[in-house]
C-alpha atoms as a PDB file:
ATOM      1  CA  UNK A   1      79.337 142.205 103.913  1.00  0.00           C
ATOM      2  CA  UNK A   2      77.507 138.879 104.615  1.00  0.00           C
ATOM      3  CA  UNK A   3      79.559 137.293 107.441  1.00  0.00           C
ATOM      4  CA  UNK A   4      77.983 133.714 106.608  1.00  0.00           C
ATOM      5  CA  UNK A   5      79.569 134.143 103.249  1.00  0.00           C
ATOM      6  CA  UNK A   6      82.879 135.411 104.057  1.00  0.00           C
ATOM      7  CA  UNK A   7      83.012 132.497 106.632  1.00  0.00           C
ATOM      8  CA  UNK A   8      81.981 130.197 104.000  1.00  0.00           C
ATOM      9  CA  UNK A   9      85.126 131.360 101.872  1.00  0.00           C
ATOM     10  CA  UNK A  10      87.816 131.115 104.661  1.00  0.00           C
ATOM     11  CA  UNK A  11      86.353 127.621 105.724  1.00  0.00           C
ATOM     12  CA  UNK A  12      86.667 125.950 102.323  1.00  0.00           C
ATOM     13  CA  UNK A  13      90.494 127.929 102.407  1.00  0.00           C
ATOM     14  CA  UNK A  14      91.609 125.978 105.697  1.00  0.00           C
ATOM     15  CA  UNK A  15      89.990 122.790 104.945  1.00  0.00           C
ATOM     16  CA  UNK A  16      92.127 122.654 101.596  1.00  0.00           C
ATOM     17  CA  UNK A  17      95.378 122.678 103.788  1.00  0.00           C
ATOM     18  CA  UNK A  18      97.301 119.424 102.975  1.00  0.00           C
ATOM     19  CA  UNK A  19      96.580 116.733 106.099  1.00  0.00           C
ATOM     20  CA  UNK A  20      93.800 119.448 107.415  1.00  0.00           C
ATOM     21  CA  UNK A  21      90.679 117.458 108.327  1.00  0.00           C
ATOM     22  CA  UNK A  22      87.471 118.132 109.894  1.00  0.00           C
ATOM     23  CA  UNK A  23      86.284 115.463 112.294  1.00  0.00           C
ATOM     24  CA  UNK A  24      82.771 115.112 114.088  1.00  0.00           C
ATOM     25  CA  UNK A  25      82.553 114.142 118.011  1.00  0.00           C
ATOM     26  CA  UNK A  26      79.555 113.791 119.864  1.00  0.00           C
ATOM     27  CA  UNK A  27      79.773 114.048 123.860  1.00  0.00           C
ATOM     28  CA  UNK A  28      76.619 111.809 124.398  1.00  0.00           C
ATOM     29  CA  UNK A  29      74.001 112.033 127.457  1.00  0.00           C
ATOM     30  CA  UNK A  30      75.944 110.173 129.910  1.00  0.00           C
ATOM     31  CA  UNK A  31      78.834 112.852 129.314  1.00  0.00           C
ATOM     32  CA  UNK A  32      76.693 116.009 129.521  1.00  0.00           C
ATOM     33  CA  UNK A  33      74.636 114.708 132.571  1.00  0.00           C
ATOM     34  CA  UNK A  34      78.144 113.847 134.209  1.00  0.00           C
ATOM     35  CA  UNK A  35      79.315 117.448 133.630  1.00  0.00           C
ATOM     36  CA  UNK A  36      82.110 116.482 131.605  1.00  0.00           C
ATOM     37  CA  UNK A  37      81.603 118.844 128.774  1.00  0.00           C
ATOM     38  CA  UNK A  38      84.249 121.352 129.447  1.00  0.00           C
ATOM     39  CA  UNK A  39      86.973 118.482 130.415  1.00  0.00           C
ATOM     40  CA  UNK A  40      86.359 116.787 127.466  1.00  0.00           C
ATOM     41  CA  UNK A  41      86.847 120.036 125.279  1.00  0.00           C
ATOM     42  CA  UNK A  42      89.741 120.657 126.933  1.00  0.00           C
ATOM     43  CA  UNK A  43      91.257 117.424 125.827  1.00  0.00           C
ATOM     44  CA  UNK A  44      90.952 118.670 121.928  1.00  0.00           C
ATOM     45  CA  UNK A  45      92.102 122.083 122.581  1.00  0.00           C
ATOM     46  CA  UNK A  46      95.041 121.028 124.213  1.00  0.00           C
ATOM     47  CA  UNK A  47      95.862 118.643 121.464  1.00  0.00           C
ATOM     48  CA  UNK A  48      95.659 121.371 119.470  1.00  0.00           C
ATOM     49  CA  UNK A  49      92.194 121.135 117.154  1.00  0.00           C
ATOM     50  CA  UNK A  50      90.191 123.729 116.743  1.00  0.00           C
ATOM     51  CA  UNK A  51      86.693 123.806 117.425  1.00  0.00           C
ATOM     52  CA  UNK A  52      84.735 124.864 113.763  1.00  0.00           C
ATOM     53  CA  UNK A  53      80.650 124.170 115.201  1.00  0.00           C
ATOM     54  CA  UNK A  54      79.382 123.170 118.237  1.00  0.00           C
ATOM     55  CA  UNK A  55      75.776 122.705 119.613  1.00  0.00           C
ATOM     56  CA  UNK A  56      73.686 121.158 121.938  1.00  0.00           C
ATOM     57  CA  UNK A  57      70.577 118.737 120.344  1.00  0.00           C
ATOM     58  CA  UNK A  58      68.348 116.329 121.514  1.00  0.00           C
ATOM     59  CA  UNK A  59      68.450 113.537 119.226  1.00  0.00           C
ATOM     60  CA  UNK A  60      65.006 111.684 118.558  1.00  0.00           C
ATOM     61  CA  UNK A  61      64.344 108.113 117.340  1.00  0.00           C
ATOM     62  CA  UNK A  62      64.397 109.390 113.670  1.00  0.00           C
ATOM     63  CA  UNK A  63      67.893 111.209 113.519  1.00  0.00           C
ATOM     64  CA  UNK A  64      68.982 108.333 115.701  1.00  0.00           C
ATOM     65  CA  UNK A  65      68.311 106.151 112.903  1.00  0.00           C
ATOM     66  CA  UNK A  66      69.965 108.550 110.307  1.00  0.00           C
ATOM     67  CA  UNK A  67      73.349 108.603 112.480  1.00  0.00           C
ATOM     68  CA  UNK A  68      73.349 104.955 113.119  1.00  0.00           C
ATOM     69  CA  UNK A  69      72.274 103.947 109.570  1.00  0.00           C
ATOM     70  CA  UNK A  70      74.376 101.007 109.699  1.00  0.00           C
ATOM     71  CA  UNK A  71      73.434  99.650 113.049  1.00  0.00           C
ATOM     72  CA  UNK A  72      69.467 100.084 112.255  1.00  0.00           C
ATOM     73  CA  UNK A  73      68.397  96.407 112.619  1.00  0.00           C
ATOM     74  CA  UNK A  74      71.378  94.962 114.457  1.00  0.00           C
ATOM     75  CA  UNK A  75      70.415  93.173 117.773  1.00  0.00           C
ATOM     76  CA  UNK A  76      71.970  95.901 119.783  1.00  0.00           C
ATOM     77  CA  UNK A  77      70.363  98.559 117.860  1.00  0.00           C
ATOM     78  CA  UNK A  78      67.397  99.492 120.256  1.00  0.00           C
ATOM     79  CA  UNK A  79      69.356  99.850 123.113  1.00  0.00           C
ATOM     80  CA  UNK A  80      71.728 102.259 121.231  1.00  0.00           C
ATOM     81  CA  UNK A  81      69.055 104.369 120.254  1.00  0.00           C
ATOM     82  CA  UNK A  82      67.469 104.605 123.917  1.00  0.00           C
ATOM     83  CA  UNK A  83      70.919 105.863 125.077  1.00  0.00           C
ATOM     84  CA  UNK A  84      71.744 108.491 121.926  1.00  0.00           C
ATOM     85  CA  UNK A  85      68.007 109.907 122.831  1.00  0.00           C
ATOM     86  CA  UNK A  86      67.919 109.853 126.610  1.00  0.00           C
ATOM     87  CA  UNK A  87      69.396 113.609 127.279  1.00  0.00           C
ATOM     88  CA  UNK A  88      70.929 116.185 125.340  1.00  0.00           C
ATOM     89  CA  UNK A  89      74.117 115.547 123.178  1.00  0.00           C
ATOM     90  CA  UNK A  90      76.796 118.140 122.707  1.00  0.00           C
ATOM     91  CA  UNK A  91      77.680 117.740 118.877  1.00  0.00           C
ATOM     92  CA  UNK A  92      81.246 119.701 117.954  1.00  0.00           C
ATOM     93  CA  UNK A  93      83.237 119.810 114.544  1.00  0.00           C
ATOM     94  CA  UNK A  94      86.873 119.886 114.998  1.00  0.00           C
ATOM     95  CA  UNK A  95      89.469 120.703 112.795  1.00  0.00           C
ATOM     96  CA  UNK A  96      93.336 120.276 112.479  1.00  0.00           C
ATOM     97  CA  UNK A  97      96.284 118.206 111.031  1.00  0.00           C
ATOM     98  CA  UNK A  98      94.668 114.566 110.672  1.00  0.00           C
ATOM     99  CA  UNK A  99      92.410 115.325 112.734  1.00  0.00           C
ATOM    100  CA  UNK A 100      90.082 111.629 112.950  1.00  0.00           C
ATOM    101  CA  UNK A 101      92.965 109.947 113.901  1.00  0.00           C
ATOM    102  CA  UNK A 102      94.306 112.287 116.409  1.00  0.00           C
ATOM    103  CA  UNK A 103      90.711 112.726 117.783  1.00  0.00           C
ATOM    104  CA  UNK A 104      90.032 108.789 117.995  1.00  0.00           C
ATOM    105  CA  UNK A 105      93.800 108.487 119.793  1.00  0.00           C
ATOM    106  CA  UNK A 106      92.635 111.246 122.496  1.00  0.00           C
ATOM    107  CA  UNK A 107      89.128 109.545 122.570  1.00  0.00           C
ATOM    108  CA  UNK A 108      90.489 106.140 122.983  1.00  0.00           C
ATOM    109  CA  UNK A 109      89.307 102.619 122.344  1.00  0.00           C
ATOM    110  CA  UNK A 110      85.377 101.854 121.852  1.00  0.00           C
ATOM    111  CA  UNK A 111      85.407  99.538 125.147  1.00  0.00           C
ATOM    112  CA  UNK A 112      86.295 101.856 127.666  1.00  0.00           C
ATOM    113  CA  UNK A 113      87.570  99.212 130.114  1.00  0.00           C
ATOM    114  CA  UNK A 114      90.482  98.612 126.932  1.00  0.00           C
ATOM    115  CA  UNK A 115      91.443 102.485 126.891  1.00  0.00           C
ATOM    116  CA  UNK A 116      94.630 103.348 128.674  1.00  0.00           C
ATOM    117  CA  UNK A 117      94.613 106.201 131.070  1.00  0.00           C
ATOM    118  CA  UNK A 118      95.059 109.714 129.732  1.00  0.00           C
ATOM    119  CA  UNK A 119      92.567 108.857 126.996  1.00  0.00           C
ATOM    120  CA  UNK A 120      88.863 110.365 127.384  1.00  0.00           C
ATOM    121  CA  UNK A 121      87.698 106.748 127.942  1.00  0.00           C
ATOM    122  CA  UNK A 122      90.325 105.826 129.974  1.00  0.00           C
ATOM    123  CA  UNK A 123      90.099 108.647 132.462  1.00  0.00           C
ATOM    124  CA  UNK A 124      86.210 109.231 132.527  1.00  0.00           C
ATOM    125  CA  UNK A 125      84.447 105.604 132.097  1.00  0.00           C
ATOM    126  CA  UNK A 126      85.540 101.964 132.818  1.00  0.00           C
ATOM    127  CA  UNK A 127      82.299  99.998 131.012  1.00  0.00           C
ATOM    128  CA  UNK A 128      82.926  96.915 129.108  1.00  0.00           C
ATOM    129  CA  UNK A 129      81.001  95.030 126.191  1.00  0.00           C
ATOM    130  CA  UNK A 130      80.754  92.164 128.609  1.00  0.00           C
ATOM    131  CA  UNK A 131      78.706  93.733 131.694  1.00  0.00           C
ATOM    132  CA  UNK A 132      76.801  96.016 129.175  1.00  0.00           C
ATOM    133  CA  UNK A 133      75.466  92.768 126.997  1.00  0.00           C
ATOM    134  CA  UNK A 134      74.938  91.145 130.608  1.00  0.00           C
ATOM    135  CA  UNK A 135      72.743  93.944 131.745  1.00  0.00           C
ATOM    136  CA  UNK A 136      71.090  94.389 128.149  1.00  0.00           C
ATOM    137  CA  UNK A 137      72.410  97.782 128.327  1.00  0.00           C
ATOM    138  CA  UNK A 138      74.194 100.029 125.162  1.00  0.00           C
ATOM    139  CA  UNK A 139      77.991 100.217 125.966  1.00  0.00           C
ATOM    140  CA  UNK A 140      78.161 103.523 127.909  1.00  0.00           C
ATOM    141  CA  UNK A 141      81.307 105.129 126.410  1.00  0.00           C
ATOM    142  CA  UNK A 142      80.839 109.022 126.982  1.00  0.00           C
ATOM    143  CA  UNK A 143      81.541 110.033 123.291  1.00  0.00           C
ATOM    144  CA  UNK A 144      81.411 109.443 119.663  1.00  0.00           C
ATOM    145  CA  UNK A 145      84.229 109.995 117.695  1.00  0.00           C
ATOM    146  CA  UNK A 146      84.241 109.548 113.638  1.00  0.00           C
ATOM    147  CA  UNK A 147      86.072 106.381 112.683  1.00  0.00           C
ATOM    148  CA  UNK A 148      87.314 107.595 109.325  1.00  0.00           C
ATOM    149  CA  UNK A 149      87.218 110.725 107.086  1.00  0.00           C
ATOM    150  CA  UNK A 150      84.641 109.690 105.000  1.00  0.00           C
ATOM    151  CA  UNK A 151      82.401 108.816 107.632  1.00  0.00           C
ATOM    152  CA  UNK A 152      83.551 112.282 109.223  1.00  0.00           C
ATOM    153  CA  UNK A 153      82.380 114.094 106.085  1.00  0.00           C
ATOM    154  CA  UNK A 154      79.045 111.969 106.452  1.00  0.00           C
ATOM    155  CA  UNK A 155      78.471 113.068 109.831  1.00  0.00           C
ATOM    156  CA  UNK A 156      78.990 116.616 109.741  1.00  0.00           C
ATOM    157  CA  UNK A 157      77.157 116.960 106.883  1.00  0.00           C
ATOM    158  CA  UNK A 158      73.995 115.482 108.902  1.00  0.00           C
ATOM    159  CA  UNK A 159      74.647 117.240 112.265  1.00  0.00           C
ATOM    160  CA  UNK A 160      75.729 120.550 110.552  1.00  0.00           C
ATOM    161  CA  UNK A 161      74.784 123.167 108.027  1.00  0.00           C
ATOM    162  CA  UNK A 162      77.488 124.802 106.236  1.00  0.00           C
ATOM    163  CA  UNK A 163      76.774 128.215 107.823  1.00  0.00           C
ATOM    164  CA  UNK A 164      77.181 126.656 110.996  1.00  0.00           C
ATOM    165  CA  UNK A 165      80.952 126.101 110.419  1.00  0.00           C
ATOM    166  CA  UNK A 166      83.031 128.781 111.555  1.00  0.00           C
ATOM    167  CA  UNK A 167      86.864 129.711 110.634  1.00  0.00           C
ATOM    168  CA  UNK A 168      89.306 131.772 112.262  1.00  0.00           C
ATOM    169  CA  UNK A 169      92.790 131.622 112.859  1.00  0.00           C
ATOM    170  CA  UNK A 170      94.334 130.153 116.045  1.00  0.00           C
ATOM    171  CA  UNK A 171      97.912 130.294 117.201  1.00  0.00           C
ATOM    172  CA  UNK A 172      98.285 126.857 115.935  1.00  0.00           C
ATOM    173  CA  UNK A 173      96.994 127.967 112.506  1.00  0.00           C
ATOM    174  CA  UNK A 174     100.222 130.367 112.183  1.00  0.00           C
ATOM    175  CA  UNK A 175     102.633 127.134 112.530  1.00  0.00           C
ATOM    176  CA  UNK A 176     100.660 125.363 109.962  1.00  0.00           C
ATOM    177  CA  UNK A 177     101.177 128.137 107.156  1.00  0.00           C
END
């Protein structure tokens, strides 16, 4: 029995369920350095999302350019690259019904000061675009979440190989059948 092959079959089965989506979340270096990983993961699990892949990565400049390819060449890119490469990142693939949209609700607005209490950014960050720009710094917003399903698929394939994504049943899965 090849567990990688078996997991791949199961993974594909769950991925074909109606409204079932996968999305990428990155706990950025600031979140890792502030010891917020567990609290952040807990928010997603409390919302019923399932972790199907997770790893710690220290992003280099080349990988940053791949992940943020749409921003390369923009005025703010250099500070963005400096931010994402300043320490380790926790990369997570979450699975759930309408996962992209639900993760974005849990995370909050890109600008932490605009995020309501109860969201990750609203509770753990307060930076504004104005303050970051005035200091020439990137917007430190703790976390990245895929913006839409197409972006999620692209980002997951960049950050994870198929065999790094696992499927298993949680109690929530029994309610989805």
